[in-house]
């Protein structure tokens, strides 16, 4: 009996709820380059994670800023594994694939 009253109470509230247009989150691809003589390039897919450079030497940990995930500059970057330089990385335009 209580469940029927509860359902009758919720039915009008659920009917008033308007559907929300769900849109796909757009994540920009970012590319980073080391500032050493080897110029390792890391191409990210728009999410946080570990990414291997184009020469397969080094893994870069990229953590996107939750408040501005499409801002490549705001992402924190640190070397994760492999033969990585000590130099920092800079944001570059992604080379054509």
PDB file of N, CA and C in Angstrom:
ATOM      1  N   UNK A   1       0.819  -1.190   0.000  1.00  0.00           N
ATOM      2  CA  UNK A   1       0.000   0.000   0.000  1.00  0.00           C
ATOM      3  C   UNK A   1       0.867   1.259   0.000  1.00  0.00           C
ATOM      4  N   UNK A   2       1.935   1.212   0.813  1.00  0.00           N
ATOM      5  CA  UNK A   2       2.831   2.362   0.894  1.00  0.00           C
ATOM      6  C   UNK A   2       3.554   2.591  -0.433  1.00  0.00           C
ATOM      7  N   UNK A   3       3.917   1.495  -1.106  1.00  0.00           N
ATOM      8  CA  UNK A   3       4.621   1.644  -2.382  1.00  0.00           C
ATOM      9  C   UNK A   3       3.720   2.259  -3.452  1.00  0.00           C
ATOM     10  N   UNK A   4       2.426   1.963  -3.394  1.00  0.00           N
ATOM     11  CA  UNK A   4       1.498   2.550  -4.364  1.00  0.00           C
ATOM     12  C   UNK A   4       1.370   4.052  -4.125  1.00  0.00           C
ATOM     13  N   UNK A   5       1.291   4.456  -2.858  1.00  0.00           N
ATOM     14  CA  UNK A   5       1.207   5.884  -2.539  1.00  0.00           C
ATOM     15  C   UNK A   5       2.481   6.604  -2.977  1.00  0.00           C
ATOM     16  N   UNK A   6       3.601   5.938  -2.762  1.00  0.00           N
ATOM     17  CA  UNK A   6       4.887   6.519  -3.155  1.00  0.00           C
ATOM     18  C   UNK A   6       4.947   6.693  -4.671  1.00  0.00           C
ATOM     19  N   UNK A   7       4.497   5.679  -5.412  1.00  0.00           N
ATOM     20  CA  UNK A   7       4.486   5.751  -6.877  1.00  0.00           C
ATOM     21  C   UNK A   7       3.543   6.849  -7.365  1.00  0.00           C
ATOM     22  N   UNK A   8       2.389   6.974  -6.717  1.00  0.00           N
ATOM     23  CA  UNK A   8       1.445   8.025  -7.106  1.00  0.00           C
ATOM     24  C   UNK A   8       1.998   9.415  -6.809  1.00  0.00           C
ATOM     25  N   UNK A   9       2.802   9.525  -5.771  1.00  0.00           N
ATOM     26  CA  UNK A   9       3.425  10.795  -5.430  1.00  0.00           C
ATOM     27  C   UNK A   9       4.514  11.164  -6.442  1.00  0.00           C
ATOM     28  N   UNK A  10       5.306  10.180  -6.873  1.00  0.00           N
ATOM     29  CA  UNK A  10       6.417  10.439  -7.789  1.00  0.00           C
ATOM     30  C   UNK A  10       5.992  10.610  -9.246  1.00  0.00           C
ATOM     31  N   UNK A  11       4.882  10.021  -9.646  1.00  0.00           N
ATOM     32  CA  UNK A  11       4.466  10.056 -11.052  1.00  0.00           C
ATOM     33  C   UNK A  11       4.358  11.475 -11.602  1.00  0.00           C
ATOM     34  N   UNK A  12       3.694  12.410 -10.919  1.00  0.00           N
ATOM     35  CA  UNK A  12       3.628  13.778 -11.469  1.00  0.00           C
ATOM     36  C   UNK A  12       4.993  14.466 -11.522  1.00  0.00           C
ATOM     37  N   UNK A  13       5.842  14.170 -10.547  1.00  0.00           N
ATOM     38  CA  UNK A  13       7.174  14.784 -10.558  1.00  0.00           C
ATOM     39  C   UNK A  13       8.004  14.288 -11.730  1.00  0.00           C
ATOM     40  N   UNK A  14       7.908  13.006 -12.009  1.00  0.00           N
ATOM     41  CA  UNK A  14       8.653  12.450 -13.139  1.00  0.00           C
ATOM     42  C   UNK A  14       8.102  12.959 -14.470  1.00  0.00           C
ATOM     43  N   UNK A  15       6.813  13.195 -14.522  1.00  0.00           N
ATOM     44  CA  UNK A  15       6.209  13.711 -15.754  1.00  0.00           C
ATOM     45  C   UNK A  15       6.669  15.134 -16.043  1.00  0.00           C
ATOM     46  N   UNK A  16       6.977  15.893 -14.990  1.00  0.00           N
ATOM     47  CA  UNK A  16       7.435  17.270 -15.173  1.00  0.00           C
ATOM     48  C   UNK A  16       8.901  17.360 -15.588  1.00  0.00           C
ATOM     49  N   UNK A  17       9.636  16.298 -15.336  1.00  0.00           N
ATOM     50  CA  UNK A  17      11.065  16.313 -15.672  1.00  0.00           C
ATOM     51  C   UNK A  17      11.222  16.405 -17.184  1.00  0.00           C
ATOM     52  N   UNK A  18      11.954  17.391 -17.630  1.00  0.00           N
ATOM     53  CA  UNK A  18      12.143  17.568 -19.071  1.00  0.00           C
ATOM     54  C   UNK A  18      13.373  16.792 -19.522  1.00  0.00           C
ATOM     55  N   UNK A  19      13.309  16.195 -20.688  1.00  0.00           N
ATOM     56  CA  UNK A  19      14.473  15.468 -21.188  1.00  0.00           C
ATOM     57  C   UNK A  19      15.617  16.431 -21.497  1.00  0.00           C
ATOM     58  N   UNK A  20      16.815  15.958 -21.291  1.00  0.00           N
ATOM     59  CA  UNK A  20      18.009  16.766 -21.515  1.00  0.00           C
ATOM     60  C   UNK A  20      18.675  16.300 -22.800  1.00  0.00           C
ATOM     61  N   UNK A  21      19.065  17.234 -23.610  1.00  0.00           N
ATOM     62  CA  UNK A  21      19.781  16.913 -24.838  1.00  0.00           C
ATOM     63  C   UNK A  21      21.214  16.546 -24.480  1.00  0.00           C
ATOM     64  N   UNK A  22      21.547  15.285 -24.655  1.00  0.00           N
ATOM     65  CA  UNK A  22      22.888  14.816 -24.313  1.00  0.00           C
ATOM     66  C   UNK A  22      23.795  15.038 -25.512  1.00  0.00           C
ATOM     67  N   UNK A  23      24.916  15.705 -25.269  1.00  0.00           N
ATOM     68  CA  UNK A  23      25.871  15.971 -26.331  1.00  0.00           C
ATOM     69  C   UNK A  23      27.180  15.264 -26.020  1.00  0.00           C
ATOM     70  N   UNK A  24      27.862  14.878 -27.048  1.00  0.00           N
ATOM     71  CA  UNK A  24      29.153  14.246 -26.882  1.00  0.00           C
ATOM     72  C   UNK A  24      30.171  15.274 -26.423  1.00  0.00           C
ATOM     73  N   UNK A  25      30.961  14.902 -25.437  1.00  0.00           N
ATOM     74  CA  UNK A  25      31.998  15.806 -24.953  1.00  0.00           C
ATOM     75  C   UNK A  25      33.113  15.871 -25.989  1.00  0.00           C
ATOM     76  N   UNK A  26      33.467  17.073 -26.361  1.00  0.00           N
ATOM     77  CA  UNK A  26      34.517  17.261 -27.354  1.00  0.00           C
ATOM     78  C   UNK A  26      35.863  17.406 -26.647  1.00  0.00           C
ATOM     79  N   UNK A  27      36.740  16.474 -26.863  1.00  0.00           N
ATOM     80  CA  UNK A  27      38.083  16.542 -26.299  1.00  0.00           C
ATOM     81  C   UNK A  27      39.075  16.762 -27.429  1.00  0.00           C
ATOM     82  N   UNK A  28      39.816  17.828 -27.330  1.00  0.00           N
ATOM     83  CA  UNK A  28      40.805  18.139 -28.354  1.00  0.00           C
ATOM     84  C   UNK A  28      42.027  17.253 -28.207  1.00  0.00           C
ATOM     85  N   UNK A  29      42.599  16.891 -29.331  1.00  0.00           N
ATOM     86  CA  UNK A  29      43.865  16.181 -29.326  1.00  0.00           C
ATOM     87  C   UNK A  29      44.961  17.186 -28.996  1.00  0.00           C
ATOM     88  N   UNK A  30      45.894  16.786 -28.151  1.00  0.00           N
ATOM     89  CA  UNK A  30      47.026  17.645 -27.802  1.00  0.00           C
ATOM     90  C   UNK A  30      48.319  16.936 -28.174  1.00  0.00           C
ATOM     91  N   UNK A  31      49.296  17.708 -28.576  1.00  0.00           N
ATOM     92  CA  UNK A  31      50.615  17.165 -28.862  1.00  0.00           C
ATOM     93  C   UNK A  31      51.648  17.935 -28.055  1.00  0.00           C
ATOM     94  N   UNK A  32      52.617  17.199 -27.544  1.00  0.00           N
ATOM     95  CA  UNK A  32      53.683  17.775 -26.724  1.00  0.00           C
ATOM     96  C   UNK A  32      55.026  17.336 -27.290  1.00  0.00           C
ATOM     97  N   UNK A  33      56.023  18.196 -27.110  1.00  0.00           N
ATOM     98  CA  UNK A  33      57.373  17.900 -27.594  1.00  0.00           C
ATOM     99  C   UNK A  33      58.365  18.191 -26.482  1.00  0.00           C
ATOM    100  N   UNK A  34      59.359  17.313 -26.341  1.00  0.00           N
ATOM    101  CA  UNK A  34      60.388  17.550 -25.334  1.00  0.00           C
ATOM    102  C   UNK A  34      61.306  18.663 -25.811  1.00  0.00           C
ATOM    103  N   UNK A  35      61.868  19.381 -24.858  1.00  0.00           N
ATOM    104  CA  UNK A  35      62.737  20.513 -25.187  1.00  0.00           C
ATOM    105  C   UNK A  35      64.206  20.110 -25.126  1.00  0.00           C
ATOM    106  N   UNK A  36      64.514  18.926 -25.624  1.00  0.00           N
ATOM    107  CA  UNK A  36      65.903  18.468 -25.668  1.00  0.00           C
ATOM    108  C   UNK A  36      66.286  18.200 -27.124  1.00  0.00           C
ATOM    109  N   UNK A  37      67.444  17.642 -27.335  1.00  0.00           N
ATOM    110  CA  UNK A  37      67.949  17.425 -28.695  1.00  0.00           C
ATOM    111  C   UNK A  37      67.139  16.375 -29.456  1.00  0.00           C
ATOM    112  N   UNK A  38      66.507  15.434 -28.741  1.00  0.00           N
ATOM    113  CA  UNK A  38      65.762  14.362 -29.413  1.00  0.00           C
ATOM    114  C   UNK A  38      64.394  14.797 -29.922  1.00  0.00           C
ATOM    115  N   UNK A  39      63.823  15.838 -29.337  1.00  0.00           N
ATOM    116  CA  UNK A  39      62.518  16.368 -29.766  1.00  0.00           C
ATOM    117  C   UNK A  39      61.451  15.269 -29.853  1.00  0.00           C
ATOM    118  N   UNK A  40      61.280  14.512 -28.760  1.00  0.00           N
ATOM    119  CA  UNK A  40      60.260  13.468 -28.733  1.00  0.00           C
ATOM    120  C   UNK A  40      58.875  14.110 -28.802  1.00  0.00           C
ATOM    121  N   UNK A  41      57.993  13.535 -29.597  1.00  0.00           N
ATOM    122  CA  UNK A  41      56.640  14.066 -29.777  1.00  0.00           C
ATOM    123  C   UNK A  41      55.646  13.067 -29.190  1.00  0.00           C
ATOM    124  N   UNK A  42      54.739  13.583 -28.354  1.00  0.00           N
ATOM    125  CA  UNK A  42      53.680  12.784 -27.746  1.00  0.00           C
ATOM    126  C   UNK A  42      52.349  13.279 -28.288  1.00  0.00           C
ATOM    127  N   UNK A  43      51.558  12.376 -28.841  1.00  0.00           N
ATOM    128  CA  UNK A  43      50.233  12.711 -29.371  1.00  0.00           C
ATOM    129  C   UNK A  43      49.204  12.098 -28.423  1.00  0.00           C
ATOM    130  N   UNK A  44      48.360  12.952 -27.835  1.00  0.00           N
ATOM    131  CA  UNK A  44      47.341  12.463 -26.905  1.00  0.00           C
ATOM    132  C   UNK A  44      45.994  12.410 -27.603  1.00  0.00           C
ATOM    133  N   UNK A  45      45.096  11.607 -27.074  1.00  0.00           N
ATOM    134  CA  UNK A  45      43.792  11.424 -27.715  1.00  0.00           C
ATOM    135  C   UNK A  45      42.686  12.245 -27.085  1.00  0.00           C
ATOM    136  N   UNK A  46      43.015  13.164 -26.215  1.00  0.00           N
ATOM    137  CA  UNK A  46      41.990  14.014 -25.625  1.00  0.00           C
ATOM    138  C   UNK A  46      41.552  13.617 -24.237  1.00  0.00           C
ATOM    139  N   UNK A  47      42.164  12.584 -23.678  1.00  0.00           N
ATOM    140  CA  UNK A  47      41.833  12.164 -22.322  1.00  0.00           C
ATOM    141  C   UNK A  47      43.104  12.114 -21.488  1.00  0.00           C
ATOM    142  N   UNK A  48      42.940  11.934 -20.195  1.00  0.00           N
ATOM    143  CA  UNK A  48      44.097  11.737 -19.324  1.00  0.00           C
ATOM    144  C   UNK A  48      44.605  10.311 -19.501  1.00  0.00           C
ATOM    145  N   UNK A  49      45.907  10.120 -19.312  1.00  0.00           N
ATOM    146  CA  UNK A  49      46.476   8.783 -19.425  1.00  0.00           C
ATOM    147  C   UNK A  49      47.957   8.826 -19.718  1.00  0.00           C
ATOM    148  N   UNK A  50      48.517   7.639 -20.024  1.00  0.00           N
ATOM    149  CA  UNK A  50      49.921   7.528 -20.395  1.00  0.00           C
ATOM    150  C   UNK A  50      50.008   7.393 -21.914  1.00  0.00           C
ATOM    151  N   UNK A  51      50.961   8.121 -22.498  1.00  0.00           N
ATOM    152  CA  UNK A  51      51.095   8.137 -23.948  1.00  0.00           C
ATOM    153  C   UNK A  51      52.546   7.912 -24.339  1.00  0.00           C
ATOM    154  N   UNK A  52      52.753   7.038 -25.314  1.00  0.00           N
ATOM    155  CA  UNK A  52      54.078   6.714 -25.825  1.00  0.00           C
ATOM    156  C   UNK A  52      54.450   7.712 -26.911  1.00  0.00           C
ATOM    157  N   UNK A  53      55.721   8.127 -26.916  1.00  0.00           N
ATOM    158  CA  UNK A  53      56.147   9.082 -27.944  1.00  0.00           C
ATOM    159  C   UNK A  53      56.238   8.392 -29.300  1.00  0.00           C
ATOM    160  N   UNK A  54      56.397   9.169 -30.347  1.00  0.00           N
ATOM    161  CA  UNK A  54      56.387   8.630 -31.709  1.00  0.00           C
ATOM    162  C   UNK A  54      57.587   7.741 -32.010  1.00  0.00           C
ATOM    163  N   UNK A  55      58.666   7.862 -31.232  1.00  0.00           N
ATOM    164  CA  UNK A  55      59.838   7.002 -31.428  1.00  0.00           C
ATOM    165  C   UNK A  55      59.823   5.784 -30.506  1.00  0.00           C
ATOM    166  N   UNK A  56      58.789   5.672 -29.665  1.00  0.00           N
ATOM    167  CA  UNK A  56      58.624   4.558 -28.718  1.00  0.00           C
ATOM    168  C   UNK A  56      59.753   4.472 -27.703  1.00  0.00           C
ATOM    169  N   UNK A  57      60.203   5.610 -27.205  1.00  0.00           N
ATOM    170  CA  UNK A  57      61.253   5.649 -26.196  1.00  0.00           C
ATOM    171  C   UNK A  57      60.711   5.915 -24.803  1.00  0.00           C
ATOM    172  N   UNK A  58      59.708   6.757 -24.711  1.00  0.00           N
ATOM    173  CA  UNK A  58      59.309   7.322 -23.422  1.00  0.00           C
ATOM    174  C   UNK A  58      57.783   7.383 -23.305  1.00  0.00           C
ATOM    175  N   UNK A  59      57.296   7.202 -22.074  1.00  0.00           N
ATOM    176  CA  UNK A  59      55.866   7.341 -21.788  1.00  0.00           C
ATOM    177  C   UNK A  59      55.646   8.620 -20.992  1.00  0.00           C
ATOM    178  N   UNK A  60      54.655   9.387 -21.394  1.00  0.00           N
ATOM    179  CA  UNK A  60      54.311  10.638 -20.726  1.00  0.00           C
ATOM    180  C   UNK A  60      52.952  10.485 -20.054  1.00  0.00           C
ATOM    181  N   UNK A  61      52.886  10.835 -18.773  1.00  0.00           N
ATOM    182  CA  UNK A  61      51.611  10.854 -18.044  1.00  0.00           C
ATOM    183  C   UNK A  61      50.996  12.235 -18.233  1.00  0.00           C
ATOM    184  N   UNK A  62      49.798  12.275 -18.786  1.00  0.00           N
ATOM    185  CA  UNK A  62      49.088  13.538 -19.018  1.00  0.00           C
ATOM    186  C   UNK A  62      47.796  13.507 -18.214  1.00  0.00           C
ATOM    187  N   UNK A  63      47.607  14.514 -17.367  1.00  0.00           N
ATOM    188  CA  UNK A  63      46.380  14.647 -16.582  1.00  0.00           C
ATOM    189  C   UNK A  63      45.697  15.945 -16.983  1.00  0.00           C
ATOM    190  N   UNK A  64      44.548  15.824 -17.643  1.00  0.00           N
ATOM    191  CA  UNK A  64      43.807  16.997 -18.102  1.00  0.00           C
ATOM    192  C   UNK A  64      43.212  17.745 -16.915  1.00  0.00           C
ATOM    193  N   UNK A  65      43.121  19.047 -17.039  1.00  0.00           N
ATOM    194  CA  UNK A  65      42.478  19.891 -16.034  1.00  0.00           C
ATOM    195  C   UNK A  65      40.967  19.699 -16.165  1.00  0.00           C
ATOM    196  N   UNK A  66      40.322  19.253 -15.096  1.00  0.00           N
ATOM    197  CA  UNK A  66      38.886  18.961 -15.148  1.00  0.00           C
ATOM    198  C   UNK A  66      38.054  20.203 -15.451  1.00  0.00           C
ATOM    199  N   UNK A  67      38.522  21.374 -15.037  1.00  0.00           N
ATOM    200  CA  UNK A  67      37.753  22.592 -15.285  1.00  0.00           C
ATOM    201  C   UNK A  67      37.894  23.088 -16.723  1.00  0.00           C
ATOM    202  N   UNK A  68      38.949  22.669 -17.409  1.00  0.00           N
ATOM    203  CA  UNK A  68      39.181  23.105 -18.793  1.00  0.00           C
ATOM    204  C   UNK A  68      39.918  21.995 -19.546  1.00  0.00           C
ATOM    205  N   UNK A  69      39.238  20.877 -19.843  1.00  0.00           N
ATOM    206  CA  UNK A  69      39.924  19.716 -20.417  1.00  0.00           C
ATOM    207  C   UNK A  69      40.472  19.924 -21.822  1.00  0.00           C
ATOM    208  N   UNK A  70      39.982  20.918 -22.553  1.00  0.00           N
ATOM    209  CA  UNK A  70      40.471  21.147 -23.912  1.00  0.00           C
ATOM    210  C   UNK A  70      41.645  22.108 -23.977  1.00  0.00           C
ATOM    211  N   UNK A  71      42.107  22.585 -22.831  1.00  0.00           N
ATOM    212  CA  UNK A  71      43.255  23.480 -22.787  1.00  0.00           C
ATOM    213  C   UNK A  71      44.514  22.639 -22.587  1.00  0.00           C
ATOM    214  N   UNK A  72      45.279  22.467 -23.648  1.00  0.00           N
ATOM    215  CA  UNK A  72      46.473  21.620 -23.595  1.00  0.00           C
ATOM    216  C   UNK A  72      47.523  22.170 -22.633  1.00  0.00           C
ATOM    217  N   UNK A  73      47.596  23.481 -22.513  1.00  0.00           N
ATOM    218  CA  UNK A  73      48.579  24.105 -21.614  1.00  0.00           C
ATOM    219  C   UNK A  73      48.301  23.786 -20.152  1.00  0.00           C
ATOM    220  N   UNK A  74      47.030  23.653 -19.791  1.00  0.00           N
ATOM    221  CA  UNK A  74      46.666  23.429 -18.392  1.00  0.00           C
ATOM    222  C   UNK A  74      46.883  21.991 -17.935  1.00  0.00           C
ATOM    223  N   UNK A  75      47.068  21.072 -18.852  1.00  0.00           N
ATOM    224  CA  UNK A  75      47.276  19.672 -18.477  1.00  0.00           C
ATOM    225  C   UNK A  75      48.622  19.521 -17.769  1.00  0.00           C
ATOM    226  N   UNK A  76      48.631  18.734 -16.701  1.00  0.00           N
ATOM    227  CA  UNK A  76      49.904  18.455 -16.027  1.00  0.00           C
ATOM    228  C   UNK A  76      50.557  17.275 -16.739  1.00  0.00           C
ATOM    229  N   UNK A  77      51.863  17.376 -16.916  1.00  0.00           N
ATOM    230  CA  UNK A  77      52.602  16.363 -17.661  1.00  0.00           C
ATOM    231  C   UNK A  77      53.821  15.931 -16.859  1.00  0.00           C
ATOM    232  N   UNK A  78      54.045  14.622 -16.820  1.00  0.00           N
ATOM    233  CA  UNK A  78      55.237  14.091 -16.162  1.00  0.00           C
ATOM    234  C   UNK A  78      55.645  12.804 -16.866  1.00  0.00           C
ATOM    235  N   UNK A  79      56.936  12.549 -16.866  1.00  0.00           N
ATOM    236  CA  UNK A  79      57.427  11.332 -17.508  1.00  0.00           C
ATOM    237  C   UNK A  79      57.068  10.144 -16.641  1.00  0.00           C
ATOM    238  N   UNK A  80      56.667   9.065 -17.289  1.00  0.00           N
ATOM    239  CA  UNK A  80      56.138   7.926 -16.564  1.00  0.00           C
ATOM    240  C   UNK A  80      57.076   6.722 -16.627  1.00  0.00           C
ATOM    241  N   UNK A  81      57.649   6.433 -17.783  1.00  0.00           N
ATOM    242  CA  UNK A  81      58.527   5.269 -17.924  1.00  0.00           C
ATOM    243  C   UNK A  81      59.321   5.389 -19.219  1.00  0.00           C
ATOM    244  N   UNK A  82      60.420   4.646 -19.287  1.00  0.00           N
ATOM    245  CA  UNK A  82      61.204   4.577 -20.512  1.00  0.00           C
ATOM    246  C   UNK A  82      62.431   5.455 -20.485  1.00  0.00           C
ATOM    247  N   UNK A  83      62.995   5.688 -21.652  1.00  0.00           N
ATOM    248  CA  UNK A  83      64.186   6.526 -21.807  1.00  0.00           C
ATOM    249  C   UNK A  83      63.737   7.965 -22.032  1.00  0.00           C
ATOM    250  N   UNK A  84      63.479   8.647 -20.950  1.00  0.00           N
ATOM    251  CA  UNK A  84      62.915   9.996 -21.011  1.00  0.00           C
ATOM    252  C   UNK A  84      63.971  11.036 -20.663  1.00  0.00           C
ATOM    253  N   UNK A  85      63.903  12.197 -21.290  1.00  0.00           N
ATOM    254  CA  UNK A  85      64.845  13.268 -20.954  1.00  0.00           C
ATOM    255  C   UNK A  85      64.447  13.945 -19.645  1.00  0.00           C
ATOM    256  N   UNK A  86      65.308  14.818 -19.173  1.00  0.00           N
ATOM    257  CA  UNK A  86      65.001  15.588 -17.972  1.00  0.00           C
ATOM    258  C   UNK A  86      64.322  16.911 -18.315  1.00  0.00           C
ATOM    259  N   UNK A  87      64.288  17.246 -19.580  1.00  0.00           N
ATOM    260  CA  UNK A  87      63.716  18.529 -20.002  1.00  0.00           C
ATOM    261  C   UNK A  87      62.191  18.488 -19.945  1.00  0.00           C
ATOM    262  N   UNK A  88      61.562  19.645 -19.779  1.00  0.00           N
ATOM    263  CA  UNK A  88      60.089  19.690 -19.777  1.00  0.00           C
ATOM    264  C   UNK A  88      59.527  19.519 -21.187  1.00  0.00           C
ATOM    265  N   UNK A  89      58.214  19.442 -21.266  1.00  0.00           N
ATOM    266  CA  UNK A  89      57.550  19.354 -22.568  1.00  0.00           C
ATOM    267  C   UNK A  89      56.824  20.663 -22.852  1.00  0.00           C
ATOM    268  N   UNK A  90      56.657  20.945 -24.134  1.00  0.00           N
ATOM    269  CA  UNK A  90      55.905  22.134 -24.545  1.00  0.00           C
ATOM    270  C   UNK A  90      54.794  21.699 -25.488  1.00  0.00           C
ATOM    271  N   UNK A  91      53.749  22.498 -25.553  1.00  0.00           N
ATOM    272  CA  UNK A  91      52.624  22.224 -26.447  1.00  0.00           C
ATOM    273  C   UNK A  91      53.021  22.623 -27.862  1.00  0.00           C
ATOM    274  N   UNK A  92      52.730  21.748 -28.813  1.00  0.00           N
ATOM    275  CA  UNK A  92      53.003  22.035 -30.225  1.00  0.00           C
ATOM    276  C   UNK A  92      51.744  21.739 -31.043  1.00  0.00           C
ATOM    277  N   UNK A  93      51.725  22.202 -32.259  1.00  0.00           N
ATOM    278  CA  UNK A  93      50.664  21.815 -33.189  1.00  0.00           C
ATOM    279  C   UNK A  93      50.895  20.368 -33.576  1.00  0.00           C
ATOM    280  N   UNK A  94      49.842  19.589 -33.592  1.00  0.00           N
ATOM    281  CA  UNK A  94      49.995  18.167 -33.901  1.00  0.00           C
ATOM    282  C   UNK A  94      50.421  17.984 -35.356  1.00  0.00           C
ATOM    283  N   UNK A  95      51.472  17.181 -35.565  1.00  0.00           N
ATOM    284  CA  UNK A  95      51.894  16.909 -36.941  1.00  0.00           C
ATOM    285  C   UNK A  95      50.846  16.063 -37.651  1.00  0.00           C
ATOM    286  N   UNK A  96      50.788  16.174 -38.960  1.00  0.00           N
ATOM    287  CA  UNK A  96      49.821  15.369 -39.712  1.00  0.00           C
ATOM    288  C   UNK A  96      50.181  13.896 -39.581  1.00  0.00           C
ATOM    289  N   UNK A  97      49.158  13.077 -39.532  1.00  0.00           N
ATOM    290  CA  UNK A  97      49.362  11.642 -39.279  1.00  0.00           C
ATOM    291  C   UNK A  97      49.927  10.917 -40.453  1.00  0.00           C
TER     292      UNK A  97
END
